[in-house]
Amino acid sequence: MLTGDNNAPSCNICLEVAFADGGNPETAKAINDAIEQRLFDMRGLSMQQAVDSFARQYTREYKQTLAPLYEQDKNDETKRNWYEYHYTIDTKTTSGRDNVVVYVIELDYYEGGAHGIEQQLVMNFDALSGKQLTLSDVFVPGYETRLTELLTEKLMNIADVKTIEELKAKDYLFSMDMFPSENFILGSDEITFIYNAYEIAPYAMGRTEINVEYSEIKDLLKK
């Protein structure tokens, strides 16, 4: 609860975080450190410690920052929803290409404003070393130009348009350029590039996913 009032707004936190347990200790540590850094900006703690620390800090800052403001607004019911915060993390793992473990994060939070934020964040790990894979680990040097062109073509197919101008008319790439997202899934047969709201389209457009089969880019892949 934000204050001691019986009907005060509250901050609800639900953190379901999968983590590496067992197997090679160094591999597990590398994976867990990367997850902690991505989700909580922490390293070196057990996952339970990181989750507990984040929840305590988040609720503490919620009260410290918003309680004084709520005292001024609590008699205005139209403003109550501004103070009903939530922060939810759900995670899962799937098998990807070769020895890749795909770690998928579903993040949903509301911190005031017109609407909440929903994001899907993905981390790809080498199952043997625990290294988090980036695009530079997957593609040969100089891949950016051709991959960007291919992603743009596929986005135009999704939007059912023929030109960049038509794409922008549908609110894609209206104020930004296309880019290969580091938020990607290394699947068994294809790589999926994930663009959350505001990255290549406004909030109302939601998340955009672009699938590229490995056969289409085999000369750009390192292996």
C-alpha atoms as a PDB file:
ATOM      1  CA  MET A   1       0.000   0.000   0.000  1.00  0.00           C
ATOM      2  CA  LEU A   2       1.205   3.471  -0.831  1.00  0.00           C
ATOM      3  CA  THR A   3       0.086   4.948   2.509  1.00  0.00           C
ATOM      4  CA  GLY A   4      -1.565   3.752   5.698  1.00  0.00           C
ATOM      5  CA  ASP A   5      -5.047   4.530   4.380  1.00  0.00           C
ATOM      6  CA  ASN A   6      -7.287   1.488   4.011  1.00  0.00           C
ATOM      7  CA  ASN A   7      -8.144   2.268   0.393  1.00  0.00           C
ATOM      8  CA  ALA A   8      -4.763   3.585  -0.669  1.00  0.00           C
ATOM      9  CA  PRO A   9      -3.363   2.584  -4.081  1.00  0.00           C
ATOM     10  CA  SER A  10      -0.781  -0.175  -4.143  1.00  0.00           C
ATOM     11  CA  CYS A  11       2.199  -1.445  -6.060  1.00  0.00           C
ATOM     12  CA  ASN A  12       1.938  -5.087  -7.122  1.00  0.00           C
ATOM     13  CA  ILE A  13       5.113  -6.938  -8.064  1.00  0.00           C
ATOM     14  CA  CYS A  14       5.257 -10.439  -9.509  1.00  0.00           C
ATOM     15  CA  LEU A  15       8.658 -11.781 -10.557  1.00  0.00           C
ATOM     16  CA  GLU A  16       8.879 -15.284 -12.049  1.00  0.00           C
ATOM     17  CA  VAL A  17      12.514 -15.626 -13.070  1.00  0.00           C
ATOM     18  CA  ALA A  18      13.952 -18.862 -14.454  1.00  0.00           C
ATOM     19  CA  PHE A  19      17.673 -19.373 -13.936  1.00  0.00           C
ATOM     20  CA  ALA A  20      20.443 -21.857 -14.649  1.00  0.00           C
ATOM     21  CA  ASP A  21      20.848 -24.471 -11.936  1.00  0.00           C
ATOM     22  CA  GLY A  22      23.152 -27.479 -12.077  1.00  0.00           C
ATOM     23  CA  GLY A  23      25.549 -28.530 -14.805  1.00  0.00           C
ATOM     24  CA  ASN A  24      28.814 -26.663 -15.251  1.00  0.00           C
ATOM     25  CA  PRO A  25      29.017 -24.071 -12.422  1.00  0.00           C
ATOM     26  CA  GLU A  26      30.921 -21.548 -14.567  1.00  0.00           C
ATOM     27  CA  THR A  27      28.391 -21.809 -17.390  1.00  0.00           C
ATOM     28  CA  ALA A  28      25.485 -21.419 -14.980  1.00  0.00           C
ATOM     29  CA  LYS A  29      27.133 -18.407 -13.343  1.00  0.00           C
ATOM     30  CA  ALA A  30      27.740 -16.702 -16.695  1.00  0.00           C
ATOM     31  CA  ILE A  31      24.104 -17.165 -17.683  1.00  0.00           C
ATOM     32  CA  ASN A  32      22.692 -16.070 -14.330  1.00  0.00           C
ATOM     33  CA  ASP A  33      24.960 -13.022 -14.113  1.00  0.00           C
ATOM     34  CA  ALA A  34      23.774 -11.905 -17.556  1.00  0.00           C
ATOM     35  CA  ILE A  35      20.109 -12.403 -16.606  1.00  0.00           C
ATOM     36  CA  GLU A  36      20.531 -10.478 -13.350  1.00  0.00           C
ATOM     37  CA  GLN A  37      22.258  -7.652 -15.186  1.00  0.00           C
ATOM     38  CA  ARG A  38      19.520  -7.452 -17.828  1.00  0.00           C
ATOM     39  CA  LEU A  39      16.579  -7.634 -15.444  1.00  0.00           C
ATOM     40  CA  PHE A  40      17.824  -5.965 -12.295  1.00  0.00           C
ATOM     41  CA  ASP A  41      21.124  -4.214 -13.099  1.00  0.00           C
ATOM     42  CA  MET A  42      22.831  -6.486 -10.559  1.00  0.00           C
ATOM     43  CA  ARG A  43      25.553  -9.137 -10.707  1.00  0.00           C
ATOM     44  CA  GLY A  44      27.087 -11.744  -8.428  1.00  0.00           C
ATOM     45  CA  LEU A  45      24.040 -12.398  -6.252  1.00  0.00           C
ATOM     46  CA  SER A  46      21.977 -15.545  -6.161  1.00  0.00           C
ATOM     47  CA  MET A  47      18.861 -15.135  -8.290  1.00  0.00           C
ATOM     48  CA  GLN A  48      16.673 -15.166  -5.182  1.00  0.00           C
ATOM     49  CA  GLN A  49      18.782 -12.417  -3.628  1.00  0.00           C
ATOM     50  CA  ALA A  50      18.551 -10.343  -6.801  1.00  0.00           C
ATOM     51  CA  VAL A  51      14.765 -10.764  -7.005  1.00  0.00           C
ATOM     52  CA  ASP A  52      14.281  -9.861  -3.338  1.00  0.00           C
ATOM     53  CA  SER A  53      16.626  -6.878  -3.568  1.00  0.00           C
ATOM     54  CA  PHE A  54      14.881  -5.516  -6.659  1.00  0.00           C
ATOM     55  CA  ALA A  55      11.416  -5.893  -5.110  1.00  0.00           C
ATOM     56  CA  ARG A  56      12.475  -4.106  -1.918  1.00  0.00           C
ATOM     57  CA  GLN A  57      14.134  -1.263  -3.793  1.00  0.00           C
ATOM     58  CA  TYR A  58      11.228  -0.839  -6.205  1.00  0.00           C
ATOM     59  CA  THR A  59       8.584  -0.666  -3.476  1.00  0.00           C
ATOM     60  CA  ARG A  60      10.751   1.625  -1.353  1.00  0.00           C
ATOM     61  CA  GLU A  61      11.186   4.086  -4.226  1.00  0.00           C
ATOM     62  CA  TYR A  62       7.474   3.802  -5.053  1.00  0.00           C
ATOM     63  CA  LYS A  63       6.527   4.958  -1.573  1.00  0.00           C
ATOM     64  CA  GLN A  64       9.216   7.599  -1.219  1.00  0.00           C
ATOM     65  CA  THR A  65       8.449   9.186  -4.570  1.00  0.00           C
ATOM     66  CA  LEU A  66       4.668   8.911  -4.794  1.00  0.00           C
ATOM     67  CA  ALA A  67       3.355   9.114  -1.220  1.00  0.00           C
ATOM     68  CA  PRO A  68       3.796  12.909  -0.956  1.00  0.00           C
ATOM     69  CA  LEU A  69       2.108  13.394  -4.352  1.00  0.00           C
ATOM     70  CA  TYR A  70      -0.757  11.066  -3.467  1.00  0.00           C
ATOM     71  CA  GLU A  71      -1.454  13.029  -0.283  1.00  0.00           C
ATOM     72  CA  GLN A  72      -2.243  16.002  -2.503  1.00  0.00           C
ATOM     73  CA  ASP A  73      -4.349  13.988  -4.985  1.00  0.00           C
ATOM     74  CA  LYS A  74      -6.113  11.397  -2.837  1.00  0.00           C
ATOM     75  CA  ASN A  75      -9.413  13.268  -2.792  1.00  0.00           C
ATOM     76  CA  ASP A  76      -9.498  13.303  -6.591  1.00  0.00           C
ATOM     77  CA  GLU A  77     -10.749   9.890  -7.745  1.00  0.00           C
ATOM     78  CA  THR A  78      -9.858  10.679 -11.354  1.00  0.00           C
ATOM     79  CA  LYS A  79      -6.171  10.539 -10.406  1.00  0.00           C
ATOM     80  CA  ARG A  80      -6.210   7.332  -8.375  1.00  0.00           C
ATOM     81  CA  ASN A  81      -5.167   5.086 -11.264  1.00  0.00           C
ATOM     82  CA  TRP A  82      -1.983   7.123 -11.659  1.00  0.00           C
ATOM     83  CA  TYR A  83      -0.753   5.550  -8.418  1.00  0.00           C
ATOM     84  CA  GLU A  84      -1.784   1.933  -9.052  1.00  0.00           C
ATOM     85  CA  TYR A  85       1.605   0.594 -10.110  1.00  0.00           C
ATOM     86  CA  HIS A  86       2.468  -2.939 -11.148  1.00  0.00           C
ATOM     87  CA  TYR A  87       5.652  -4.623 -12.300  1.00  0.00           C
ATOM     88  CA  THR A  88       5.506  -8.165 -13.691  1.00  0.00           C
ATOM     89  CA  ILE A  89       8.240 -10.373 -15.092  1.00  0.00           C
ATOM     90  CA  ASP A  90       7.591 -13.820 -16.531  1.00  0.00           C
ATOM     91  CA  THR A  91      10.310 -15.908 -18.176  1.00  0.00           C
ATOM     92  CA  LYS A  92      10.725 -19.132 -20.089  1.00  0.00           C
ATOM     93  CA  THR A  93      13.459 -20.994 -21.958  1.00  0.00           C
ATOM     94  CA  THR A  94      13.350 -22.829 -25.271  1.00  0.00           C
ATOM     95  CA  SER A  95      15.878 -24.662 -27.398  1.00  0.00           C
ATOM     96  CA  GLY A  96      17.209 -22.738 -30.352  1.00  0.00           C
ATOM     97  CA  ARG A  97      19.711 -23.219 -33.136  1.00  0.00           C
ATOM     98  CA  ASP A  98      22.513 -25.734 -32.490  1.00  0.00           C
ATOM     99  CA  ASN A  99      23.524 -25.487 -28.815  1.00  0.00           C
ATOM    100  CA  VAL A 100      21.608 -22.290 -28.129  1.00  0.00           C
ATOM    101  CA  VAL A 101      19.301 -21.726 -25.177  1.00  0.00           C
ATOM    102  CA  VAL A 102      16.740 -18.996 -25.858  1.00  0.00           C
ATOM    103  CA  TYR A 103      15.685 -17.064 -22.756  1.00  0.00           C
ATOM    104  CA  VAL A 104      12.444 -15.125 -23.239  1.00  0.00           C
ATOM    105  CA  ILE A 105      11.380 -12.359 -20.854  1.00  0.00           C
ATOM    106  CA  GLU A 106       7.838 -10.982 -20.801  1.00  0.00           C
ATOM    107  CA  LEU A 107       7.888  -7.624 -19.037  1.00  0.00           C
ATOM    108  CA  ASP A 108       4.692  -5.752 -18.142  1.00  0.00           C
ATOM    109  CA  TYR A 109       4.676  -2.644 -15.986  1.00  0.00           C
ATOM    110  CA  TYR A 110       2.690   0.495 -15.249  1.00  0.00           C
ATOM    111  CA  GLU A 111       4.283   3.528 -13.644  1.00  0.00           C
ATOM    112  CA  GLY A 112       1.682   6.209 -14.210  1.00  0.00           C
ATOM    113  CA  GLY A 113       0.780   7.880 -17.474  1.00  0.00           C
ATOM    114  CA  ALA A 114      -1.680   6.999 -20.189  1.00  0.00           C
ATOM    115  CA  HIS A 115      -0.872   3.294 -20.392  1.00  0.00           C
ATOM    116  CA  GLY A 116       1.404   0.537 -19.211  1.00  0.00           C
ATOM    117  CA  ILE A 117       4.336  -0.932 -21.087  1.00  0.00           C
ATOM    118  CA  GLU A 118       4.601  -4.487 -22.380  1.00  0.00           C
ATOM    119  CA  GLN A 119       7.895  -5.746 -23.775  1.00  0.00           C
ATOM    120  CA  GLN A 120       9.345  -9.038 -24.891  1.00  0.00           C
ATOM    121  CA  LEU A 121      13.078  -9.256 -24.279  1.00  0.00           C
ATOM    122  CA  VAL A 122      15.190 -12.145 -25.525  1.00  0.00           C
ATOM    123  CA  MET A 123      18.633 -13.419 -24.595  1.00  0.00           C
ATOM    124  CA  ASN A 124      20.399 -16.185 -26.514  1.00  0.00           C
ATOM    125  CA  PHE A 125      23.018 -18.231 -24.682  1.00  0.00           C
ATOM    126  CA  ASP A 126      25.630 -20.685 -25.848  1.00  0.00           C
ATOM    127  CA  ALA A 127      24.633 -23.714 -23.787  1.00  0.00           C
ATOM    128  CA  LEU A 128      28.243 -24.901 -23.469  1.00  0.00           C
ATOM    129  CA  SER A 129      30.007 -21.688 -22.432  1.00  0.00           C
ATOM    130  CA  GLY A 130      27.134 -19.612 -21.068  1.00  0.00           C
ATOM    131  CA  LYS A 131      28.118 -16.711 -23.319  1.00  0.00           C
ATOM    132  CA  GLN A 132      25.293 -14.421 -24.356  1.00  0.00           C
ATOM    133  CA  LEU A 133      25.243 -14.210 -28.140  1.00  0.00           C
ATOM    134  CA  THR A 134      24.992 -10.890 -29.966  1.00  0.00           C
ATOM    135  CA  LEU A 135      24.472 -10.208 -33.646  1.00  0.00           C
ATOM    136  CA  SER A 136      28.235  -9.899 -34.102  1.00  0.00           C
ATOM    137  CA  ASP A 137      28.566 -13.475 -32.813  1.00  0.00           C
ATOM    138  CA  VAL A 138      26.057 -14.717 -35.373  1.00  0.00           C
ATOM    139  CA  PHE A 139      26.860 -12.684 -38.489  1.00  0.00           C
ATOM    140  CA  VAL A 140      30.027 -12.011 -40.463  1.00  0.00           C
ATOM    141  CA  PRO A 141      31.494  -8.468 -40.373  1.00  0.00           C
ATOM    142  CA  GLY A 142      29.701  -6.032 -42.646  1.00  0.00           C
ATOM    143  CA  TYR A 143      26.324  -7.769 -42.384  1.00  0.00           C
ATOM    144  CA  GLU A 144      24.425  -4.639 -41.373  1.00  0.00           C
ATOM    145  CA  THR A 145      23.590  -3.087 -44.755  1.00  0.00           C
ATOM    146  CA  ARG A 146      22.240  -6.182 -46.455  1.00  0.00           C
ATOM    147  CA  LEU A 147      20.392  -7.429 -43.389  1.00  0.00           C
ATOM    148  CA  THR A 148      18.771  -4.028 -42.907  1.00  0.00           C
ATOM    149  CA  GLU A 149      17.607  -4.067 -46.533  1.00  0.00           C
ATOM    150  CA  LEU A 150      16.137  -7.535 -46.101  1.00  0.00           C
ATOM    151  CA  LEU A 151      14.358  -6.575 -42.880  1.00  0.00           C
ATOM    152  CA  THR A 152      12.928  -3.509 -44.575  1.00  0.00           C
ATOM    153  CA  GLU A 153      11.614  -5.622 -47.443  1.00  0.00           C
ATOM    154  CA  LYS A 154      10.004  -8.062 -45.028  1.00  0.00           C
ATOM    155  CA  LEU A 155       8.453  -5.232 -43.028  1.00  0.00           C
ATOM    156  CA  MET A 156       6.937  -3.859 -46.230  1.00  0.00           C
ATOM    157  CA  ASN A 157       5.492  -7.321 -46.911  1.00  0.00           C
ATOM    158  CA  ILE A 158       3.986  -7.407 -43.428  1.00  0.00           C
ATOM    159  CA  ALA A 159       2.437  -3.979 -43.943  1.00  0.00           C
ATOM    160  CA  ASP A 160       1.411  -4.891 -47.507  1.00  0.00           C
ATOM    161  CA  VAL A 161       3.113  -1.886 -49.096  1.00  0.00           C
ATOM    162  CA  LYS A 162       5.638  -1.372 -51.887  1.00  0.00           C
ATOM    163  CA  THR A 163       7.603   1.697 -50.814  1.00  0.00           C
ATOM    164  CA  ILE A 164       9.136   3.303 -47.747  1.00  0.00           C
ATOM    165  CA  GLU A 165       6.735   6.218 -48.161  1.00  0.00           C
ATOM    166  CA  GLU A 166       3.766   3.859 -47.972  1.00  0.00           C
ATOM    167  CA  LEU A 167       5.357   2.172 -44.970  1.00  0.00           C
ATOM    168  CA  LYS A 168       5.627   5.509 -43.185  1.00  0.00           C
ATOM    169  CA  ALA A 169       2.048   6.317 -44.095  1.00  0.00           C
ATOM    170  CA  LYS A 170       1.100   3.256 -42.049  1.00  0.00           C
ATOM    171  CA  ASP A 171       3.140   4.621 -39.106  1.00  0.00           C
ATOM    172  CA  TYR A 172       6.118   2.287 -39.491  1.00  0.00           C
ATOM    173  CA  LEU A 173       9.561   3.934 -39.444  1.00  0.00           C
ATOM    174  CA  PHE A 174       7.853   7.315 -39.231  1.00  0.00           C
ATOM    175  CA  SER A 175      10.585   8.958 -37.163  1.00  0.00           C
ATOM    176  CA  MET A 176      13.337   6.324 -37.202  1.00  0.00           C
ATOM    177  CA  ASP A 177      15.318   4.141 -39.587  1.00  0.00           C
ATOM    178  CA  MET A 178      15.186   0.364 -39.836  1.00  0.00           C
ATOM    179  CA  PHE A 179      17.887  -1.549 -37.989  1.00  0.00           C
ATOM    180  CA  PRO A 180      18.731  -5.166 -37.098  1.00  0.00           C
ATOM    181  CA  SER A 181      17.510  -5.504 -33.537  1.00  0.00           C
ATOM    182  CA  GLU A 182      19.733  -7.059 -30.891  1.00  0.00           C
ATOM    183  CA  ASN A 183      16.459  -8.375 -29.473  1.00  0.00           C
ATOM    184  CA  PHE A 184      16.249 -11.599 -31.474  1.00  0.00           C
ATOM    185  CA  ILE A 185      15.443 -15.304 -31.243  1.00  0.00           C
ATOM    186  CA  LEU A 186      17.895 -17.800 -32.702  1.00  0.00           C
ATOM    187  CA  GLY A 187      15.332 -20.445 -33.617  1.00  0.00           C
ATOM    188  CA  SER A 188      15.936 -23.823 -35.181  1.00  0.00           C
ATOM    189  CA  ASP A 189      15.169 -22.726 -38.743  1.00  0.00           C
ATOM    190  CA  GLU A 190      14.982 -18.952 -38.609  1.00  0.00           C
ATOM    191  CA  ILE A 191      15.980 -15.877 -36.686  1.00  0.00           C
ATOM    192  CA  THR A 192      13.166 -13.699 -35.388  1.00  0.00           C
ATOM    193  CA  PHE A 193      13.847 -10.004 -34.876  1.00  0.00           C
ATOM    194  CA  ILE A 194      11.624  -8.464 -32.222  1.00  0.00           C
ATOM    195  CA  TYR A 195      10.719  -4.782 -32.135  1.00  0.00           C
ATOM    196  CA  ASN A 196       8.754  -3.611 -29.119  1.00  0.00           C
ATOM    197  CA  ALA A 197       6.433  -0.615 -29.138  1.00  0.00           C
ATOM    198  CA  TYR A 198       8.089   2.688 -30.074  1.00  0.00           C
ATOM    199  CA  GLU A 199      11.129   1.022 -31.688  1.00  0.00           C
ATOM    200  CA  ILE A 200       9.930   1.049 -35.299  1.00  0.00           C
ATOM    201  CA  ALA A 201       6.258   1.930 -34.768  1.00  0.00           C
ATOM    202  CA  PRO A 202       4.075   3.770 -32.233  1.00  0.00           C
ATOM    203  CA  TYR A 203       2.558   2.203 -29.132  1.00  0.00           C
ATOM    204  CA  ALA A 204      -0.771   1.467 -30.809  1.00  0.00           C
ATOM    205  CA  MET A 205       0.956  -0.790 -33.351  1.00  0.00           C
ATOM    206  CA  GLY A 206       2.227  -3.090 -30.607  1.00  0.00           C
ATOM    207  CA  ARG A 207       5.148  -5.476 -31.051  1.00  0.00           C
ATOM    208  CA  THR A 208       6.464  -6.298 -34.514  1.00  0.00           C
ATOM    209  CA  GLU A 209       8.197  -9.602 -35.271  1.00  0.00           C
ATOM    210  CA  ILE A 210      10.150 -10.192 -38.470  1.00  0.00           C
ATOM    211  CA  ASN A 211      11.195 -13.741 -39.357  1.00  0.00           C
ATOM    212  CA  VAL A 212      14.217 -14.424 -41.542  1.00  0.00           C
ATOM    213  CA  GLU A 213      14.982 -18.004 -42.565  1.00  0.00           C
ATOM    214  CA  TYR A 214      18.633 -19.026 -42.310  1.00  0.00           C
ATOM    215  CA  SER A 215      18.526 -20.129 -45.932  1.00  0.00           C
ATOM    216  CA  GLU A 216      17.928 -16.502 -46.929  1.00  0.00           C
ATOM    217  CA  ILE A 217      21.052 -15.235 -45.194  1.00  0.00           C
ATOM    218  CA  LYS A 218      23.391 -18.226 -45.229  1.00  0.00           C
ATOM    219  CA  ASP A 219      26.262 -16.181 -46.687  1.00  0.00           C
ATOM    220  CA  LEU A 220      25.908 -13.674 -43.822  1.00  0.00           C
ATOM    221  CA  LEU A 221      26.095 -16.299 -41.074  1.00  0.00           C
ATOM    222  CA  LYS A 222      29.346 -17.216 -39.358  1.00  0.00           C
ATOM    223  CA  LYS A 223      28.333 -20.856 -39.214  1.00  0.00           C
END
